[in-house]
N, C-alpha and C. Protein backbone atom coordinates (compact mmCIF):
# COMPACT_ATOMS: atom_id res chain seq x y z
N UNK A 1 91.32 125.08 77.45
CA UNK A 1 90.38 124.72 78.49
C UNK A 1 91.15 124.01 79.60
N UNK A 2 90.95 124.44 80.83
CA UNK A 2 91.70 123.84 81.93
C UNK A 2 91.08 122.52 82.40
N UNK A 3 91.83 121.79 83.17
CA UNK A 3 91.43 120.45 83.61
C UNK A 3 90.13 120.46 84.40
N UNK A 4 89.97 121.40 85.29
CA UNK A 4 88.75 121.42 86.11
C UNK A 4 87.51 121.69 85.26
N UNK A 5 87.63 122.51 84.23
CA UNK A 5 86.50 122.77 83.33
C UNK A 5 86.15 121.52 82.55
N UNK A 6 87.16 120.83 82.02
CA UNK A 6 86.92 119.59 81.27
C UNK A 6 86.28 118.54 82.19
N UNK A 7 86.81 118.42 83.39
CA UNK A 7 86.27 117.44 84.35
C UNK A 7 84.79 117.72 84.64
N UNK A 8 84.44 119.00 84.83
CA UNK A 8 83.04 119.35 85.12
C UNK A 8 82.16 119.02 83.92
N UNK A 9 82.61 119.36 82.72
CA UNK A 9 81.82 119.05 81.52
C UNK A 9 81.57 117.55 81.40
N UNK A 10 82.62 116.78 81.65
CA UNK A 10 82.48 115.32 81.57
C UNK A 10 81.50 114.81 82.62
N UNK A 11 81.64 115.29 83.85
CA UNK A 11 80.71 114.87 84.92
C UNK A 11 79.27 115.22 84.55
N UNK A 12 79.06 116.42 84.06
CA UNK A 12 77.71 116.84 83.66
C UNK A 12 77.16 115.93 82.56
N UNK A 13 77.98 115.61 81.58
CA UNK A 13 77.53 114.77 80.47
C UNK A 13 77.23 113.35 80.95
N UNK A 14 78.13 112.80 81.77
CA UNK A 14 77.96 111.42 82.26
C UNK A 14 76.68 111.29 83.07
N UNK A 15 76.34 112.30 83.83
CA UNK A 15 75.13 112.24 84.65
C UNK A 15 73.88 111.98 83.80
N UNK A 16 73.87 112.42 82.55
CA UNK A 16 72.70 112.23 81.70
C UNK A 16 72.90 111.22 80.58
N UNK A 17 74.05 110.54 80.58
CA UNK A 17 74.39 109.65 79.46
C UNK A 17 73.58 108.36 79.48
N UNK A 18 73.43 107.77 78.28
CA UNK A 18 72.73 106.50 78.17
C UNK A 18 73.68 105.33 78.46
N UNK A 19 73.10 104.15 78.53
CA UNK A 19 73.86 102.95 78.88
C UNK A 19 74.99 102.68 77.89
N UNK A 20 74.75 102.88 76.61
CA UNK A 20 75.76 102.63 75.59
C UNK A 20 77.01 103.47 75.84
N UNK A 21 76.81 104.76 76.07
CA UNK A 21 77.93 105.65 76.32
C UNK A 21 78.67 105.25 77.59
N UNK A 22 77.91 104.97 78.65
CA UNK A 22 78.53 104.59 79.92
C UNK A 22 79.35 103.31 79.78
N UNK A 23 78.83 102.36 78.99
CA UNK A 23 79.56 101.11 78.76
C UNK A 23 80.87 101.38 78.02
N UNK A 24 80.83 102.25 77.02
CA UNK A 24 82.04 102.61 76.29
C UNK A 24 83.08 103.27 77.19
N UNK A 25 82.64 104.23 77.98
CA UNK A 25 83.55 104.94 78.88
C UNK A 25 84.11 103.98 79.92
N UNK A 26 83.27 103.11 80.45
CA UNK A 26 83.72 102.14 81.44
C UNK A 26 84.80 101.24 80.84
N UNK A 27 84.61 100.80 79.62
CA UNK A 27 85.61 99.97 78.95
C UNK A 27 86.94 100.70 78.79
N UNK A 28 86.87 101.98 78.43
CA UNK A 28 88.09 102.78 78.29
C UNK A 28 88.81 102.92 79.63
N UNK A 29 88.05 103.13 80.68
CA UNK A 29 88.64 103.29 82.01
C UNK A 29 89.31 101.98 82.44
N UNK A 30 88.64 100.86 82.23
CA UNK A 30 89.21 99.57 82.60
C UNK A 30 90.50 99.29 81.83
N UNK A 31 90.50 99.61 80.54
CA UNK A 31 91.70 99.40 79.71
C UNK A 31 92.85 100.28 80.21
N UNK A 32 92.55 101.51 80.57
CA UNK A 32 93.57 102.43 81.07
C UNK A 32 94.14 101.92 82.40
N UNK A 33 93.28 101.45 83.29
CA UNK A 33 93.75 100.92 84.56
C UNK A 33 94.67 99.72 84.35
N UNK A 34 94.28 98.82 83.45
CA UNK A 34 95.08 97.63 83.16
C UNK A 34 96.43 98.02 82.57
N UNK A 35 96.41 99.01 81.68
CA UNK A 35 97.64 99.47 81.06
C UNK A 35 98.59 100.05 82.11
N UNK A 36 98.07 100.85 83.02
CA UNK A 36 98.90 101.43 84.06
C UNK A 36 99.46 100.36 84.98
N UNK A 37 98.65 99.37 85.33
CA UNK A 37 99.09 98.28 86.19
C UNK A 37 100.18 97.48 85.50
N UNK A 38 99.98 97.16 84.23
CA UNK A 38 100.98 96.40 83.48
C UNK A 38 102.28 97.16 83.39
N UNK A 39 102.19 98.46 83.15
CA UNK A 39 103.40 99.29 83.05
C UNK A 39 104.15 99.30 84.38
N UNK A 40 103.42 99.42 85.48
CA UNK A 40 104.06 99.45 86.79
C UNK A 40 104.72 98.11 87.08
N UNK A 41 104.02 97.01 86.81
CA UNK A 41 104.59 95.69 87.05
C UNK A 41 105.82 95.45 86.18
N UNK A 42 105.76 95.91 84.92
CA UNK A 42 106.90 95.76 84.02
C UNK A 42 108.09 96.56 84.53
N UNK A 43 107.85 97.77 85.00
CA UNK A 43 108.94 98.60 85.52
C UNK A 43 109.58 97.96 86.76
N UNK A 44 108.77 97.39 87.62
CA UNK A 44 109.29 96.73 88.82
C UNK A 44 110.15 95.53 88.41
N UNK A 45 109.67 94.74 87.46
CA UNK A 45 110.41 93.59 86.98
C UNK A 45 111.74 94.00 86.36
N UNK A 46 111.72 95.05 85.54
CA UNK A 46 112.96 95.53 84.91
C UNK A 46 113.95 96.03 85.95
N UNK A 47 113.45 96.69 87.00
CA UNK A 47 114.32 97.19 88.07
C UNK A 47 114.97 96.02 88.80
N UNK A 48 114.21 94.97 89.06
CA UNK A 48 114.77 93.78 89.74
C UNK A 48 115.86 93.14 88.89
N UNK A 49 115.62 93.03 87.59
CA UNK A 49 116.62 92.46 86.68
C UNK A 49 117.88 93.32 86.69
N UNK A 50 117.69 94.64 86.63
CA UNK A 50 118.84 95.56 86.65
C UNK A 50 119.64 95.42 87.93
N UNK A 51 118.97 95.30 89.05
CA UNK A 51 119.67 95.14 90.32
C UNK A 51 120.50 93.86 90.33
N UNK A 52 119.94 92.78 89.82
CA UNK A 52 120.68 91.50 89.75
C UNK A 52 121.90 91.65 88.85
N UNK A 53 121.74 92.32 87.72
CA UNK A 53 122.87 92.51 86.79
C UNK A 53 123.97 93.35 87.44
N UNK A 54 123.59 94.38 88.16
CA UNK A 54 124.57 95.24 88.82
C UNK A 54 125.33 94.43 89.88
N UNK A 55 124.62 93.66 90.69
CA UNK A 55 125.26 92.86 91.72
C UNK A 55 126.19 91.81 91.11
N UNK A 56 125.86 91.33 89.92
CA UNK A 56 126.69 90.33 89.24
C UNK A 56 127.83 90.98 88.46
N UNK A 57 127.91 92.31 88.48
CA UNK A 57 128.97 93.00 87.76
C UNK A 57 128.74 93.08 86.27
N UNK A 58 127.53 92.85 85.84
CA UNK A 58 127.20 92.88 84.41
C UNK A 58 126.79 94.29 84.00
N UNK A 59 127.77 95.18 83.99
CA UNK A 59 127.50 96.57 83.63
C UNK A 59 128.43 96.99 82.49
N UNK A 60 128.09 98.11 81.87
CA UNK A 60 128.95 98.69 80.84
C UNK A 60 129.21 100.14 81.21
N UNK A 61 130.30 100.68 80.68
CA UNK A 61 130.62 102.07 80.98
C UNK A 61 129.82 103.00 80.06
N UNK A 62 129.88 104.29 80.36
CA UNK A 62 129.10 105.28 79.62
C UNK A 62 129.49 105.31 78.14
N UNK A 63 130.75 105.15 77.86
CA UNK A 63 131.21 105.17 76.47
C UNK A 63 130.61 104.01 75.68
N UNK A 64 130.62 102.82 76.26
CA UNK A 64 130.04 101.66 75.58
C UNK A 64 128.53 101.84 75.41
N UNK A 65 127.88 102.38 76.45
CA UNK A 65 126.44 102.63 76.36
C UNK A 65 126.14 103.58 75.20
N UNK A 66 126.90 104.66 75.12
CA UNK A 66 126.67 105.65 74.06
C UNK A 66 126.88 105.01 72.68
N UNK A 67 127.91 104.21 72.56
CA UNK A 67 128.18 103.53 71.29
C UNK A 67 127.03 102.59 70.92
N UNK A 68 126.58 101.80 71.89
CA UNK A 68 125.45 100.89 71.65
C UNK A 68 124.19 101.66 71.28
N UNK A 69 123.97 102.77 71.97
CA UNK A 69 122.78 103.57 71.71
C UNK A 69 122.81 104.17 70.31
N UNK A 70 123.96 104.67 69.89
CA UNK A 70 124.08 105.25 68.55
C UNK A 70 123.83 104.18 67.49
N UNK A 71 124.33 102.98 67.72
CA UNK A 71 124.12 101.87 66.79
C UNK A 71 122.63 101.50 66.72
N UNK A 72 121.98 101.49 67.88
CA UNK A 72 120.55 101.18 67.93
C UNK A 72 119.76 102.23 67.14
N UNK A 73 120.10 103.52 67.34
CA UNK A 73 119.40 104.58 66.61
C UNK A 73 119.60 104.42 65.10
N UNK A 74 120.81 104.08 64.70
CA UNK A 74 121.10 103.89 63.28
C UNK A 74 120.26 102.74 62.71
N UNK A 75 120.17 101.64 63.45
CA UNK A 75 119.37 100.50 63.00
C UNK A 75 117.89 100.87 62.91
N UNK A 76 117.39 101.61 63.88
CA UNK A 76 115.99 102.04 63.86
C UNK A 76 115.73 102.94 62.66
N UNK A 77 116.64 103.87 62.41
CA UNK A 77 116.49 104.80 61.30
C UNK A 77 116.47 104.03 59.97
N UNK A 78 117.36 103.05 59.85
CA UNK A 78 117.42 102.25 58.62
C UNK A 78 116.14 101.42 58.42
N UNK A 79 115.55 100.97 59.51
CA UNK A 79 114.35 100.13 59.40
C UNK A 79 113.13 100.90 58.92
N UNK A 80 113.16 102.24 59.02
CA UNK A 80 112.04 103.05 58.56
C UNK A 80 112.17 103.49 57.11
N UNK A 81 113.26 103.17 56.48
CA UNK A 81 113.47 103.57 55.08
C UNK A 81 112.76 102.62 54.15
């Protein structure tokens, strides 16, 4: 089912929905908006930190990154056992 069909079905249903359903959907929408806002703010903050680290020369080369990443994956894998 394509997006426009789903959107129309939802609009049609919402037009006749009771207060309980509308309250539930409204809560879901508010939670989604807050999640998106938090994610955007977090990404901006992380970018600012990264810029400061780069300007301060606090970087690692690709080889060190790959090594650190492989170690992280190994630790994650071990934690699920």
